[in-house]
Amino acid sequence: MAQIPEKSQELLNLAIENLQGLLTDRTVSPEPPKELATVNGFPQLHATLLEVRTAIMGFASGDLGCQITKKGFLPGSIKALQASLNHLTWQTKMIASGDFTQRVDFMGDFSESFNSMVTLLDESMRKLELIAHTDPLTGSNNRGYFMQLLAAELERAKRYGHLFTVLMLDLDHFKRVNDSRGHAAGDEALRYLCRVLQTSGLRKTDFFGRIGGEEFALVFPETGIEGAAEAAEKVRDNLKETAVIHEGQEFFITASIGISEWRFDDTQETLLTRADQAMYRAKETGRDRVCLSR
């Protein structure tokens, strides 16, 4: 085997030491040794590895903004990784803002884990939103969410002049149910009421919520007071025609209902107050009936 000239061996050793330094020494000089500055191709190799090293160290510390200007397979691969990480950073920001449609398809096994994480986050947020909007006993809208929906309907009515009506419904003699049959039977009566509301021909645009205790409110968009009265009578009839069943025992419940129609100067409070007053007239005049606001 031919011997490498001593001078060449010295330059080779120096080159190896310099390149090893780029991989292991945090304080390596950005310039190649002057002895190698004129060796064909070495300054370019030194500059390429230095740029790759700087980029990787930047990635490791969270800096994805370093410039990669060199050409070739290794710099190109690092640049592609940089672009992927920058896009991934943007996607995580979008997810943080509530966009759970983001998916990753460019990082192998990581993509599968990332996409599973986003799917679980989406499902968890939907569940949390549902919990925040739902009455835990009956599964209907809770008071807070119902009021949000009513505020949106009120704004829509004011903007476009569309008619809508509000119903206030209260179960009759509900305290007697709790006192004579127990609170579990009362809870079942409330759940039964919600099932009746859901199966009494409500449209997709209609909505209701539990306002408190045994009192519920319903909104019928694009419906005048006469149409709402017909719907209320159907609810009232359906409610008293079928028994509530609890622990094998049957009992019947009725409801008093008051209705108010939106007026242009109404607020949520005035609209609900008129419906509430009409509901109390229904109770005062015999219960199990529908009264219209004056």
C-alpha atoms as a PDB file:
ATOM      1  CA  MET A   1       0.000   0.000   0.000  1.00  0.00           C
ATOM      2  CA  ALA A   2       1.368   3.395  -0.988  1.00  0.00           C
ATOM      3  CA  GLN A   3       2.473   5.595   1.860  1.00  0.00           C
ATOM      4  CA  ILE A   4       0.816   8.998   2.313  1.00  0.00           C
ATOM      5  CA  PRO A   5       3.402  11.765   2.233  1.00  0.00           C
ATOM      6  CA  GLU A   6       4.145  13.130   5.680  1.00  0.00           C
ATOM      7  CA  LYS A   7       2.885  16.602   4.812  1.00  0.00           C
ATOM      8  CA  SER A   8      -0.340  15.189   3.407  1.00  0.00           C
ATOM      9  CA  GLN A   9      -0.779  12.999   6.482  1.00  0.00           C
ATOM     10  CA  GLU A  10      -0.442  16.069   8.692  1.00  0.00           C
ATOM     11  CA  LEU A  11      -3.080  17.917   6.673  1.00  0.00           C
ATOM     12  CA  LEU A  12      -5.383  14.875   6.778  1.00  0.00           C
ATOM     13  CA  ASN A  13      -5.012  14.595  10.534  1.00  0.00           C
ATOM     14  CA  LEU A  14      -5.685  18.310  10.894  1.00  0.00           C
ATOM     15  CA  ALA A  15      -8.779  18.037   8.694  1.00  0.00           C
ATOM     16  CA  ILE A  16     -10.113  15.084  10.686  1.00  0.00           C
ATOM     17  CA  GLU A  17      -9.479  16.923  13.955  1.00  0.00           C
ATOM     18  CA  ASN A  18     -11.220  20.028  12.631  1.00  0.00           C
ATOM     19  CA  LEU A  19     -14.274  18.126  11.372  1.00  0.00           C
ATOM     20  CA  GLN A  20     -14.473  16.177  14.640  1.00  0.00           C
ATOM     21  CA  GLY A  21     -14.364  19.495  16.451  1.00  0.00           C
ATOM     22  CA  LEU A  22     -17.374  20.666  14.476  1.00  0.00           C
ATOM     23  CA  LEU A  23     -19.265  17.656  15.819  1.00  0.00           C
ATOM     24  CA  THR A  24     -18.078  17.712  19.429  1.00  0.00           C
ATOM     25  CA  ASP A  25     -16.657  21.122  20.396  1.00  0.00           C
ATOM     26  CA  ARG A  26     -19.101  23.950  21.231  1.00  0.00           C
ATOM     27  CA  THR A  27     -16.335  26.569  20.823  1.00  0.00           C
ATOM     28  CA  VAL A  28     -14.976  25.510  17.443  1.00  0.00           C
ATOM     29  CA  SER A  29     -13.744  28.342  15.196  1.00  0.00           C
ATOM     30  CA  PRO A  30     -16.103  29.345  12.391  1.00  0.00           C
ATOM     31  CA  GLU A  31     -13.115  29.487  10.061  1.00  0.00           C
ATOM     32  CA  PRO A  32     -11.137  26.436   8.881  1.00  0.00           C
ATOM     33  CA  PRO A  33      -7.462  26.198   9.900  1.00  0.00           C
ATOM     34  CA  LYS A  34      -5.327  28.369   7.675  1.00  0.00           C
ATOM     35  CA  GLU A  35      -3.304  25.310   6.662  1.00  0.00           C
ATOM     36  CA  LEU A  36      -6.477  23.875   5.085  1.00  0.00           C
ATOM     37  CA  ALA A  37      -7.832  27.106   3.632  1.00  0.00           C
ATOM     38  CA  THR A  38      -6.285  26.356   0.245  1.00  0.00           C
ATOM     39  CA  VAL A  39      -7.033  22.625   0.174  1.00  0.00           C
ATOM     40  CA  ASN A  40      -9.451  22.038  -2.654  1.00  0.00           C
ATOM     41  CA  GLY A  41     -13.032  21.603  -1.338  1.00  0.00           C
ATOM     42  CA  PHE A  42     -12.200  21.699   2.368  1.00  0.00           C
ATOM     43  CA  PRO A  43     -13.371  25.290   3.116  1.00  0.00           C
ATOM     44  CA  GLN A  44     -16.699  24.474   1.431  1.00  0.00           C
ATOM     45  CA  LEU A  45     -17.060  21.245   3.434  1.00  0.00           C
ATOM     46  CA  HIS A  46     -16.172  23.088   6.649  1.00  0.00           C
ATOM     47  CA  ALA A  47     -18.731  25.845   5.930  1.00  0.00           C
ATOM     48  CA  THR A  48     -21.475  23.327   5.070  1.00  0.00           C
ATOM     49  CA  LEU A  49     -20.979  21.286   8.251  1.00  0.00           C
ATOM     50  CA  LEU A  50     -20.749  24.462  10.316  1.00  0.00           C
ATOM     51  CA  GLU A  51     -24.086  25.701   8.919  1.00  0.00           C
ATOM     52  CA  VAL A  52     -25.712  22.310   9.506  1.00  0.00           C
ATOM     53  CA  ARG A  53     -24.284  22.239  13.038  1.00  0.00           C
ATOM     54  CA  THR A  54     -25.583  25.775  13.747  1.00  0.00           C
ATOM     55  CA  ALA A  55     -29.049  24.864  12.476  1.00  0.00           C
ATOM     56  CA  ILE A  56     -29.256  21.687  14.550  1.00  0.00           C
ATOM     57  CA  MET A  57     -28.068  23.483  17.683  1.00  0.00           C
ATOM     58  CA  GLY A  58     -30.669  26.163  17.001  1.00  0.00           C
ATOM     59  CA  PHE A  59     -33.416  23.553  16.613  1.00  0.00           C
ATOM     60  CA  ALA A  60     -32.341  21.971  19.895  1.00  0.00           C
ATOM     61  CA  SER A  61     -32.706  25.309  21.698  1.00  0.00           C
ATOM     62  CA  GLY A  62     -36.014  26.165  20.016  1.00  0.00           C
ATOM     63  CA  ASP A  63     -34.714  28.562  17.359  1.00  0.00           C
ATOM     64  CA  LEU A  64     -36.215  27.611  14.008  1.00  0.00           C
ATOM     65  CA  GLY A  65     -35.262  30.840  12.257  1.00  0.00           C
ATOM     66  CA  CYS A  66     -31.651  30.128  11.248  1.00  0.00           C
ATOM     67  CA  GLN A  67     -30.794  30.504   7.572  1.00  0.00           C
ATOM     68  CA  ILE A  68     -29.608  27.459   5.613  1.00  0.00           C
ATOM     69  CA  THR A  69     -27.964  28.576   2.402  1.00  0.00           C
ATOM     70  CA  LYS A  70     -25.755  25.632   1.471  1.00  0.00           C
ATOM     71  CA  LYS A  71     -26.717  23.118  -1.181  1.00  0.00           C
ATOM     72  CA  GLY A  72     -26.558  19.360  -1.062  1.00  0.00           C
ATOM     73  CA  PHE A  73     -28.307  16.392   0.473  1.00  0.00           C
ATOM     74  CA  LEU A  74     -27.550  17.090   4.147  1.00  0.00           C
ATOM     75  CA  PRO A  75     -28.336  20.846   4.140  1.00  0.00           C
ATOM     76  CA  GLY A  76     -31.403  20.128   2.037  1.00  0.00           C
ATOM     77  CA  SER A  77     -32.627  17.539   4.539  1.00  0.00           C
ATOM     78  CA  ILE A  78     -32.060  19.928   7.444  1.00  0.00           C
ATOM     79  CA  LYS A  79     -33.904  22.671   5.556  1.00  0.00           C
ATOM     80  CA  ALA A  80     -36.840  20.314   4.926  1.00  0.00           C
ATOM     81  CA  LEU A  81     -36.896  19.455   8.635  1.00  0.00           C
ATOM     82  CA  GLN A  82     -36.847  23.169   9.462  1.00  0.00           C
ATOM     83  CA  ALA A  83     -39.825  23.795   7.174  1.00  0.00           C
ATOM     84  CA  SER A  84     -41.724  20.894   8.755  1.00  0.00           C
ATOM     85  CA  LEU A  85     -41.011  22.135  12.280  1.00  0.00           C
ATOM     86  CA  ASN A  86     -42.055  25.682  11.359  1.00  0.00           C
ATOM     87  CA  HIS A  87     -45.291  24.361   9.889  1.00  0.00           C
ATOM     88  CA  LEU A  88     -45.830  22.205  12.958  1.00  0.00           C
ATOM     89  CA  THR A  89     -45.336  25.281  15.152  1.00  0.00           C
ATOM     90  CA  TRP A  90     -47.977  27.127  13.145  1.00  0.00           C
ATOM     91  CA  GLN A  91     -50.328  24.147  13.444  1.00  0.00           C
ATOM     92  CA  THR A  92     -49.942  24.013  17.228  1.00  0.00           C
ATOM     93  CA  LYS A  93     -50.824  27.718  17.379  1.00  0.00           C
ATOM     94  CA  MET A  94     -53.934  27.019  15.309  1.00  0.00           C
ATOM     95  CA  ILE A  95     -54.870  24.164  17.655  1.00  0.00           C
ATOM     96  CA  ALA A  96     -54.351  26.470  20.655  1.00  0.00           C
ATOM     97  CA  SER A  97     -56.801  28.901  19.051  1.00  0.00           C
ATOM     98  CA  GLY A  98     -59.420  26.141  18.780  1.00  0.00           C
ATOM     99  CA  ASP A  99     -58.840  24.759  15.267  1.00  0.00           C
ATOM    100  CA  PHE A 100     -58.835  20.983  15.786  1.00  0.00           C
ATOM    101  CA  THR A 101     -58.842  20.175  12.060  1.00  0.00           C
ATOM    102  CA  GLN A 102     -55.045  20.303  11.926  1.00  0.00           C
ATOM    103  CA  ARG A 103     -53.271  17.050  10.982  1.00  0.00           C
ATOM    104  CA  VAL A 104     -49.618  16.119  10.371  1.00  0.00           C
ATOM    105  CA  ASP A 105     -48.594  13.777   7.560  1.00  0.00           C
ATOM    106  CA  PHE A 106     -44.862  14.386   7.146  1.00  0.00           C
ATOM    107  CA  MET A 107     -43.142  13.006  10.257  1.00  0.00           C
ATOM    108  CA  GLY A 108     -43.798   9.266  10.361  1.00  0.00           C
ATOM    109  CA  ASP A 109     -44.742   7.814  13.743  1.00  0.00           C
ATOM    110  CA  PHE A 110     -44.837  11.303  15.242  1.00  0.00           C
ATOM    111  CA  SER A 111     -47.630  12.209  12.823  1.00  0.00           C
ATOM    112  CA  GLU A 112     -49.801   9.363  14.080  1.00  0.00           C
ATOM    113  CA  SER A 113     -49.230  10.335  17.716  1.00  0.00           C
ATOM    114  CA  PHE A 114     -49.789  14.032  16.983  1.00  0.00           C
ATOM    115  CA  ASN A 115     -52.992  13.384  15.053  1.00  0.00           C
ATOM    116  CA  SER A 116     -54.307  11.108  17.811  1.00  0.00           C
ATOM    117  CA  MET A 117     -53.559  13.832  20.348  1.00  0.00           C
ATOM    118  CA  VAL A 118     -55.454  16.449  18.319  1.00  0.00           C
ATOM    119  CA  THR A 119     -58.420  14.099  17.884  1.00  0.00           C
ATOM    120  CA  LEU A 120     -58.549  13.474  21.639  1.00  0.00           C
ATOM    121  CA  LEU A 121     -58.262  17.199  22.320  1.00  0.00           C
ATOM    122  CA  ASP A 122     -61.124  17.862  19.933  1.00  0.00           C
ATOM    123  CA  GLU A 123     -63.289  15.227  21.602  1.00  0.00           C
ATOM    124  CA  SER A 124     -62.386  16.521  25.070  1.00  0.00           C
ATOM    125  CA  MET A 125     -63.204  20.111  24.148  1.00  0.00           C
ATOM    126  CA  ARG A 126     -66.549  19.036  22.692  1.00  0.00           C
ATOM    127  CA  LYS A 127     -67.344  17.144  25.884  1.00  0.00           C
ATOM    128  CA  LEU A 128     -66.325  20.105  28.034  1.00  0.00           C
ATOM    129  CA  GLU A 129     -68.426  22.446  25.899  1.00  0.00           C
ATOM    130  CA  LEU A 130     -71.383  20.085  26.199  1.00  0.00           C
ATOM    131  CA  ILE A 131     -70.938  19.894  29.975  1.00  0.00           C
ATOM    132  CA  ALA A 132     -70.712  23.679  30.199  1.00  0.00           C
ATOM    133  CA  HIS A 133     -73.958  24.072  28.244  1.00  0.00           C
ATOM    134  CA  THR A 134     -75.984  21.199  29.673  1.00  0.00           C
ATOM    135  CA  ASP A 135     -78.133  20.776  32.741  1.00  0.00           C
ATOM    136  CA  PRO A 136     -76.696  17.620  34.351  1.00  0.00           C
ATOM    137  CA  LEU A 137     -80.020  16.242  35.552  1.00  0.00           C
ATOM    138  CA  THR A 138     -82.186  16.580  32.452  1.00  0.00           C
ATOM    139  CA  GLY A 139     -79.673  16.894  29.624  1.00  0.00           C
ATOM    140  CA  SER A 140     -81.398  20.074  28.400  1.00  0.00           C
ATOM    141  CA  ASN A 141     -79.685  23.413  27.922  1.00  0.00           C
ATOM    142  CA  ASN A 142     -78.790  24.956  31.263  1.00  0.00           C
ATOM    143  CA  ARG A 143     -79.861  28.460  32.204  1.00  0.00           C
ATOM    144  CA  GLY A 144     -76.604  30.128  31.137  1.00  0.00           C
ATOM    145  CA  TYR A 145     -76.539  28.593  27.681  1.00  0.00           C
ATOM    146  CA  PHE A 146     -80.269  29.126  27.150  1.00  0.00           C
ATOM    147  CA  MET A 147     -79.778  32.824  27.888  1.00  0.00           C
ATOM    148  CA  GLN A 148     -76.950  32.951  25.334  1.00  0.00           C
ATOM    149  CA  LEU A 149     -79.213  31.409  22.707  1.00  0.00           C
ATOM    150  CA  LEU A 150     -82.021  33.786  23.627  1.00  0.00           C
ATOM    151  CA  ALA A 151     -79.685  36.787  23.358  1.00  0.00           C
ATOM    152  CA  ALA A 152     -78.658  35.654  19.863  1.00  0.00           C
ATOM    153  CA  GLU A 153     -82.310  35.209  18.836  1.00  0.00           C
ATOM    154  CA  LEU A 154     -83.177  38.631  20.229  1.00  0.00           C
ATOM    155  CA  GLU A 155     -80.350  40.221  18.248  1.00  0.00           C
ATOM    156  CA  ARG A 156     -81.443  38.426  15.078  1.00  0.00           C
ATOM    157  CA  ALA A 157     -85.028  39.586  15.563  1.00  0.00           C
ATOM    158  CA  LYS A 158     -83.939  43.202  16.027  1.00  0.00           C
ATOM    159  CA  ARG A 159     -81.701  43.086  12.975  1.00  0.00           C
ATOM    160  CA  TYR A 160     -84.133  41.434  10.578  1.00  0.00           C
ATOM    161  CA  GLY A 161     -87.499  42.145  12.183  1.00  0.00           C
ATOM    162  CA  HIS A 162     -88.301  38.453  12.534  1.00  0.00           C
ATOM    163  CA  LEU A 163     -90.979  37.389  14.965  1.00  0.00           C
ATOM    164  CA  PHE A 164     -90.445  34.897  17.795  1.00  0.00           C
ATOM    165  CA  THR A 165     -92.150  33.819  21.014  1.00  0.00           C
ATOM    166  CA  VAL A 166     -91.038  32.656  24.452  1.00  0.00           C
ATOM    167  CA  LEU A 167     -92.810  30.091  26.625  1.00  0.00           C
ATOM    168  CA  MET A 168     -92.341  29.700  30.360  1.00  0.00           C
ATOM    169  CA  LEU A 169     -93.382  26.283  31.689  1.00  0.00           C
ATOM    170  CA  ASP A 170     -93.654  25.206  35.314  1.00  0.00           C
ATOM    171  CA  LEU A 171     -94.739  21.787  36.609  1.00  0.00           C
ATOM    172  CA  ASP A 172     -97.844  21.914  38.783  1.00  0.00           C
ATOM    173  CA  HIS A 173     -97.640  20.803  42.434  1.00  0.00           C
ATOM    174  CA  PHE A 174     -94.078  19.639  41.944  1.00  0.00           C
ATOM    175  CA  LYS A 175     -93.341  19.943  45.656  1.00  0.00           C
ATOM    176  CA  ARG A 176     -96.005  17.336  46.324  1.00  0.00           C
ATOM    177  CA  VAL A 177     -94.157  14.895  44.080  1.00  0.00           C
ATOM    178  CA  ASN A 178     -90.925  15.434  45.984  1.00  0.00           C
ATOM    179  CA  ASP A 179     -92.647  15.257  49.373  1.00  0.00           C
ATOM    180  CA  SER A 180     -94.817  12.214  48.689  1.00  0.00           C
ATOM    181  CA  ARG A 181     -92.634  10.179  46.326  1.00  0.00           C
ATOM    182  CA  GLY A 182     -89.137  11.417  47.050  1.00  0.00           C
ATOM    183  CA  HIS A 183     -86.685  13.588  45.165  1.00  0.00           C
ATOM    184  CA  ALA A 184     -85.642  10.731  42.880  1.00  0.00           C
ATOM    185  CA  ALA A 185     -89.221  10.596  41.575  1.00  0.00           C
ATOM    186  CA  GLY A 186     -89.147  14.368  41.147  1.00  0.00           C
ATOM    187  CA  ASP A 187     -85.937  14.066  39.163  1.00  0.00           C
ATOM    188  CA  GLU A 188     -87.543  11.456  36.925  1.00  0.00           C
ATOM    189  CA  ALA A 189     -90.518  13.776  36.382  1.00  0.00           C
ATOM    190  CA  LEU A 190     -88.151  16.509  35.163  1.00  0.00           C
ATOM    191  CA  ARG A 191     -86.419  14.114  32.795  1.00  0.00           C
ATOM    192  CA  TYR A 192     -89.820  12.932  31.572  1.00  0.00           C
ATOM    193  CA  LEU A 193     -90.820  16.540  30.868  1.00  0.00           C
ATOM    194  CA  CYS A 194     -87.736  17.010  28.690  1.00  0.00           C
ATOM    195  CA  ARG A 195     -88.529  13.846  26.754  1.00  0.00           C
ATOM    196  CA  VAL A 196     -92.037  15.158  26.145  1.00  0.00           C
ATOM    197  CA  LEU A 197     -90.652  18.478  24.920  1.00  0.00           C
ATOM    198  CA  GLN A 198     -88.298  16.696  22.537  1.00  0.00           C
ATOM    199  CA  THR A 199     -91.077  14.522  21.100  1.00  0.00           C
ATOM    200  CA  SER A 200     -93.796  17.159  20.792  1.00  0.00           C
ATOM    201  CA  GLY A 201     -92.889  18.326  17.307  1.00  0.00           C
ATOM    202  CA  LEU A 202     -90.261  20.919  18.134  1.00  0.00           C
ATOM    203  CA  ARG A 203     -88.402  22.097  15.053  1.00  0.00           C
ATOM    204  CA  LYS A 204     -84.611  22.153  14.742  1.00  0.00           C
ATOM    205  CA  THR A 205     -84.685  25.917  15.203  1.00  0.00           C
ATOM    206  CA  ASP A 206     -86.721  25.720  18.431  1.00  0.00           C
ATOM    207  CA  PHE A 207     -84.808  25.408  21.694  1.00  0.00           C
ATOM    208  CA  PHE A 208     -85.466  25.127  25.394  1.00  0.00           C
ATOM    209  CA  GLY A 209     -83.616  25.102  28.688  1.00  0.00           C
ATOM    210  CA  ARG A 210     -84.033  24.516  32.377  1.00  0.00           C
ATOM    211  CA  ILE A 211     -84.227  27.914  34.027  1.00  0.00           C
ATOM    212  CA  GLY A 212     -84.304  26.620  37.566  1.00  0.00           C
ATOM    213  CA  GLY A 213     -86.017  23.980  39.678  1.00  0.00           C
ATOM    214  CA  GLU A 214     -89.060  22.730  37.760  1.00  0.00           C
ATOM    215  CA  GLU A 215     -89.235  25.796  35.493  1.00  0.00           C
ATOM    216  CA  PHE A 216     -88.307  25.608  31.808  1.00  0.00           C
ATOM    217  CA  ALA A 217     -88.284  28.159  28.995  1.00  0.00           C
ATOM    218  CA  LEU A 218     -88.808  27.527  25.268  1.00  0.00           C
ATOM    219  CA  VAL A 219     -88.188  29.723  22.237  1.00  0.00           C
ATOM    220  CA  PHE A 220     -90.063  29.387  18.939  1.00  0.00           C
ATOM    221  CA  PRO A 221     -88.319  31.449  16.207  1.00  0.00           C
ATOM    222  CA  GLU A 222     -90.417  32.733  13.305  1.00  0.00           C
ATOM    223  CA  THR A 223     -93.584  31.992  15.282  1.00  0.00           C
ATOM    224  CA  GLY A 224     -96.321  34.323  16.471  1.00  0.00           C
ATOM    225  CA  ILE A 225     -98.251  33.950  19.693  1.00  0.00           C
ATOM    226  CA  GLU A 226    -101.091  31.932  18.140  1.00  0.00           C
ATOM    227  CA  GLY A 227     -98.722  29.371  16.636  1.00  0.00           C
ATOM    228  CA  ALA A 228     -96.849  29.169  19.929  1.00  0.00           C
ATOM    229  CA  ALA A 229    -100.133  28.628  21.782  1.00  0.00           C
ATOM    230  CA  GLU A 230    -100.915  25.634  19.531  1.00  0.00           C
ATOM    231  CA  ALA A 231     -97.476  24.169  20.214  1.00  0.00           C
ATOM    232  CA  ALA A 232     -97.889  24.784  23.948  1.00  0.00           C
ATOM    233  CA  GLU A 233    -101.250  23.011  24.008  1.00  0.00           C
ATOM    234  CA  LYS A 234     -99.674  20.013  22.306  1.00  0.00           C
ATOM    235  CA  VAL A 235     -96.931  19.915  24.924  1.00  0.00           C
ATOM    236  CA  ARG A 236     -99.474  20.246  27.727  1.00  0.00           C
ATOM    237  CA  ASP A 237    -101.653  17.450  26.346  1.00  0.00           C
ATOM    238  CA  ASN A 238     -98.723  15.092  25.731  1.00  0.00           C
ATOM    239  CA  LEU A 239     -97.416  15.753  29.216  1.00  0.00           C
ATOM    240  CA  LYS A 240    -100.567  14.719  31.060  1.00  0.00           C
ATOM    241  CA  GLU A 241    -101.532  11.799  28.817  1.00  0.00           C
ATOM    242  CA  THR A 242     -98.594   9.537  29.658  1.00  0.00           C
ATOM    243  CA  ALA A 243     -97.544   8.459  33.144  1.00  0.00           C
ATOM    244  CA  VAL A 244     -94.171   9.053  34.696  1.00  0.00           C
ATOM    245  CA  ILE A 245     -92.764   5.691  35.789  1.00  0.00           C
ATOM    246  CA  HIS A 246     -90.438   5.521  38.773  1.00  0.00           C
ATOM    247  CA  GLU A 247     -89.444   2.327  40.548  1.00  0.00           C
ATOM    248  CA  GLY A 248     -92.380   0.519  38.978  1.00  0.00           C
ATOM    249  CA  GLN A 249     -94.954   3.080  40.076  1.00  0.00           C
ATOM    250  CA  GLU A 250     -96.872   5.427  37.789  1.00  0.00           C
ATOM    251  CA  PHE A 251     -97.944   8.986  38.414  1.00  0.00           C
ATOM    252  CA  PHE A 252     -99.065  11.879  36.256  1.00  0.00           C
ATOM    253  CA  ILE A 253     -97.906  15.486  36.066  1.00  0.00           C
ATOM    254  CA  THR A 254     -99.268  18.631  34.465  1.00  0.00           C
ATOM    255  CA  ALA A 255     -97.799  22.002  33.613  1.00  0.00           C
ATOM    256  CA  SER A 256     -98.816  25.647  33.523  1.00  0.00           C
ATOM    257  CA  ILE A 257     -97.517  27.587  30.531  1.00  0.00           C
ATOM    258  CA  GLY A 258     -97.215  31.299  29.800  1.00  0.00           C
ATOM    259  CA  ILE A 259     -96.382  32.803  26.413  1.00  0.00           C
ATOM    260  CA  SER A 260     -95.015  36.184  25.368  1.00  0.00           C
ATOM    261  CA  GLU A 261     -94.381  37.475  21.858  1.00  0.00           C
ATOM    262  CA  TRP A 262     -91.283  39.533  21.078  1.00  0.00           C
ATOM    263  CA  ARG A 263     -91.729  43.284  20.787  1.00  0.00           C
ATOM    264  CA  PHE A 264     -89.145  45.519  19.174  1.00  0.00           C
ATOM    265  CA  ASP A 265     -88.294  47.292  22.451  1.00  0.00           C
ATOM    266  CA  ASP A 266     -87.989  44.029  24.432  1.00  0.00           C
ATOM    267  CA  THR A 267     -84.944  42.960  26.406  1.00  0.00           C
ATOM    268  CA  GLN A 268     -84.394  39.425  27.604  1.00  0.00           C
ATOM    269  CA  GLU A 269     -85.722  40.432  30.996  1.00  0.00           C
ATOM    270  CA  THR A 270     -88.946  42.073  29.769  1.00  0.00           C
ATOM    271  CA  LEU A 271     -89.678  39.227  27.379  1.00  0.00           C
ATOM    272  CA  LEU A 272     -89.166  36.546  30.031  1.00  0.00           C
ATOM    273  CA  THR A 273     -91.032  38.564  32.658  1.00  0.00           C
ATOM    274  CA  ARG A 274     -94.164  38.780  30.519  1.00  0.00           C
ATOM    275  CA  ALA A 275     -94.053  35.044  29.834  1.00  0.00           C
ATOM    276  CA  ASP A 276     -93.490  34.403  33.543  1.00  0.00           C
ATOM    277  CA  GLN A 277     -96.447  36.579  34.518  1.00  0.00           C
ATOM    278  CA  ALA A 278     -98.656  34.741  32.022  1.00  0.00           C
ATOM    279  CA  MET A 279     -97.513  31.443  33.483  1.00  0.00           C
ATOM    280  CA  TYR A 280     -98.478  32.553  36.990  1.00  0.00           C
ATOM    281  CA  ARG A 281    -101.924  33.544  35.706  1.00  0.00           C
ATOM    282  CA  ALA A 282    -102.229  29.997  34.398  1.00  0.00           C
ATOM    283  CA  LYS A 283    -101.485  28.704  37.884  1.00  0.00           C
ATOM    284  CA  GLU A 284    -103.813  31.152  39.567  1.00  0.00           C
ATOM    285  CA  THR A 285    -106.705  30.245  37.262  1.00  0.00           C
ATOM    286  CA  GLY A 286    -106.563  26.498  37.813  1.00  0.00           C
ATOM    287  CA  ARG A 287    -103.195  25.177  36.519  1.00  0.00           C
ATOM    288  CA  ASP A 288    -102.723  22.744  33.607  1.00  0.00           C
ATOM    289  CA  ARG A 289    -103.420  25.476  31.094  1.00  0.00           C
ATOM    290  CA  VAL A 290    -101.829  27.958  28.702  1.00  0.00           C
ATOM    291  CA  CYS A 291    -102.096  31.739  29.178  1.00  0.00           C
ATOM    292  CA  LEU A 292    -100.952  34.471  26.818  1.00  0.00           C
ATOM    293  CA  SER A 293     -99.182  37.623  27.945  1.00  0.00           C
ATOM    294  CA  ARG A 294    -101.128  40.872  27.853  1.00  0.00           C
END
